[in-house]
Amino acid sequence: MTDQQVSQHRTEQQHEYNNRNGFKHRVRRRLKSPQWLSRAAGVGLSSVSIGFVILFMFVLETGGDLTLFTRPLPMQVALTLPYLIGILTLGTTVGTLMAWRYRFWSVTTRIHQTVLALLGLVFSWQLSTLGMLPL
């Protein structure tokens, strides 16, 4: 082999190595992992739920009583978050059931994920009772 062929061969090997260990490969691998998706749904559920409560309270405090009737943009954003909370609750619940079925994590982690899923179900039920999340 000539020096040029050896250099080209090493470059091809380096590209193949970078493709397997690069950022895109890690993201694709995680998006196919049920364990990671379940945890991501749990983190998203917690974040969006807390964000909903904070945003809703802030809009009611700053806008007054007419905020519920006039629906300014921040209130419209706040009222769309329960739908996302419902979707994330379903994802967290399915992920929790899969975690218990296939034993993804340790028992304490599965219990934590179960409590998170139950809290999400109770919060979604409460949103449904208040008429913010139609079922």
Protein backbone atom coordinates (compact mmCIF):
# COMPACT_ATOMS: atom_id res chain seq x y z
CA MET A 1 0.00 0.00 0.00
CA THR A 2 1.18 3.47 -0.75
CA ASP A 3 1.30 6.26 1.78
CA GLN A 4 -1.78 7.85 0.23
CA GLN A 5 -3.79 4.63 0.52
CA VAL A 6 -2.71 4.13 4.14
CA SER A 7 -3.64 7.72 4.96
CA GLN A 8 -7.04 7.34 3.28
CA HIS A 9 -7.66 4.05 5.10
CA ARG A 10 -6.85 5.67 8.47
CA THR A 11 -9.14 8.62 7.65
CA GLU A 12 -11.99 6.22 6.83
CA GLN A 13 -11.42 4.36 10.10
CA GLN A 14 -11.42 7.66 12.01
CA HIS A 15 -14.71 8.74 10.38
CA GLU A 16 -16.28 5.39 11.22
CA TYR A 17 -15.09 5.72 14.83
CA ASN A 18 -16.44 9.27 15.05
CA ASN A 19 -19.79 8.17 13.62
CA ARG A 20 -20.15 5.44 16.25
CA ASN A 21 -19.01 7.57 19.16
CA GLY A 22 -20.26 10.98 18.09
CA PHE A 23 -22.98 13.14 19.51
CA LYS A 24 -25.56 12.10 16.90
CA HIS A 25 -24.99 8.43 17.59
CA ARG A 26 -25.46 8.92 21.33
CA VAL A 27 -28.67 10.90 20.80
CA ARG A 28 -30.08 8.27 18.42
CA ARG A 29 -29.19 5.51 20.85
CA ARG A 30 -30.93 7.29 23.72
CA LEU A 31 -34.05 8.05 21.71
CA LYS A 32 -34.43 4.29 21.13
CA SER A 33 -33.87 3.40 24.79
CA PRO A 34 -37.09 2.83 26.80
CA GLN A 35 -35.22 3.44 30.05
CA TRP A 36 -34.03 6.86 28.95
CA LEU A 37 -37.40 7.82 27.43
CA SER A 38 -39.20 6.87 30.61
CA ARG A 39 -36.89 8.96 32.77
CA ALA A 40 -37.09 11.86 30.30
CA ALA A 41 -40.91 11.72 30.44
CA GLY A 42 -40.73 11.80 34.25
CA VAL A 43 -38.40 14.79 34.27
CA GLY A 44 -40.54 16.53 31.66
CA LEU A 45 -43.70 15.82 33.65
CA SER A 46 -42.23 17.32 36.80
CA SER A 47 -40.87 20.38 35.00
CA VAL A 48 -43.99 21.13 32.98
CA SER A 49 -46.28 20.60 35.99
CA ILE A 50 -44.31 23.01 38.16
CA GLY A 51 -44.06 25.45 35.25
CA PHE A 52 -47.83 25.28 34.72
CA VAL A 53 -48.61 26.05 38.36
CA ILE A 54 -46.12 28.94 38.47
CA LEU A 55 -47.26 30.43 35.16
CA PHE A 56 -50.95 30.06 36.00
CA MET A 57 -50.53 31.71 39.40
CA PHE A 58 -48.40 34.50 37.90
CA VAL A 59 -50.95 35.26 35.19
CA LEU A 60 -53.81 35.32 37.69
CA GLU A 61 -51.85 37.58 40.05
CA THR A 62 -50.82 40.10 37.41
CA GLY A 63 -53.96 40.06 35.26
CA GLY A 64 -56.73 40.14 37.83
CA ASP A 65 -60.16 38.55 37.63
CA LEU A 66 -60.77 39.35 33.95
CA THR A 67 -57.81 37.22 32.92
CA LEU A 68 -60.02 34.14 32.74
CA PHE A 69 -62.38 35.88 30.31
CA THR A 70 -60.03 37.94 28.16
CA ARG A 71 -57.35 35.21 27.92
CA PRO A 72 -54.14 37.10 27.17
CA LEU A 73 -51.25 35.24 25.52
CA PRO A 74 -49.61 34.05 28.78
CA MET A 75 -52.94 32.58 29.88
CA GLN A 76 -53.37 30.84 26.54
CA VAL A 77 -49.91 29.33 26.95
CA ALA A 78 -50.75 28.24 30.49
CA LEU A 79 -53.99 26.62 29.36
CA THR A 80 -52.23 24.54 26.69
CA LEU A 81 -49.79 23.03 29.19
CA PRO A 82 -52.34 20.59 30.71
CA TYR A 83 -52.46 18.73 27.38
CA LEU A 84 -48.69 18.30 27.50
CA ILE A 85 -48.97 17.22 31.14
CA GLY A 86 -51.49 14.55 30.11
CA ILE A 87 -49.20 13.20 27.39
CA LEU A 88 -46.18 13.16 29.70
CA THR A 89 -48.25 11.44 32.39
CA LEU A 90 -49.13 8.67 29.95
CA GLY A 91 -45.49 8.33 28.92
CA THR A 92 -44.30 8.21 32.52
CA THR A 93 -46.95 5.65 33.47
CA VAL A 94 -46.17 3.37 30.52
CA GLY A 95 -42.44 3.71 31.23
CA THR A 96 -43.01 2.84 34.87
CA LEU A 97 -44.99 -0.26 33.97
CA MET A 98 -42.24 -1.33 31.58
CA ALA A 99 -39.61 -0.67 34.25
CA TRP A 100 -41.36 -3.02 36.67
CA ARG A 101 -41.95 -5.62 33.95
CA TYR A 102 -38.40 -5.64 32.55
CA ARG A 103 -36.55 -4.48 35.72
CA PHE A 104 -34.81 -1.51 34.13
CA TRP A 105 -33.48 0.02 37.33
CA SER A 106 -32.99 -0.72 41.00
CA VAL A 107 -36.04 -1.17 43.24
CA THR A 108 -35.64 2.29 44.81
CA THR A 109 -35.49 3.94 41.39
CA ARG A 110 -38.58 2.03 40.27
CA ILE A 111 -40.42 3.08 43.43
CA HIS A 112 -39.42 6.71 42.79
CA GLN A 113 -40.66 6.47 39.19
CA THR A 114 -43.91 4.86 40.42
CA VAL A 115 -44.53 7.69 42.89
CA LEU A 116 -43.84 10.19 40.10
CA ALA A 117 -46.32 8.43 37.79
CA LEU A 118 -48.97 8.31 40.54
CA LEU A 119 -48.51 12.02 41.27
CA GLY A 120 -48.84 12.72 37.55
CA LEU A 121 -52.06 10.70 37.38
CA VAL A 122 -53.50 12.52 40.41
CA PHE A 123 -52.52 15.92 38.98
CA SER A 124 -54.02 15.04 35.59
CA TRP A 125 -57.20 13.88 37.30
CA GLN A 126 -57.33 17.16 39.22
CA LEU A 127 -56.84 19.15 36.01
CA SER A 128 -59.64 17.13 34.44
CA THR A 129 -61.92 17.77 37.41
CA LEU A 130 -61.26 21.52 37.11
CA GLY A 131 -62.10 21.38 33.39
CA MET A 132 -58.60 22.24 32.15
CA LEU A 133 -57.95 18.79 30.68
CA PRO A 134 -60.95 17.29 28.88
CA LEU A 135 -61.04 13.52 28.80
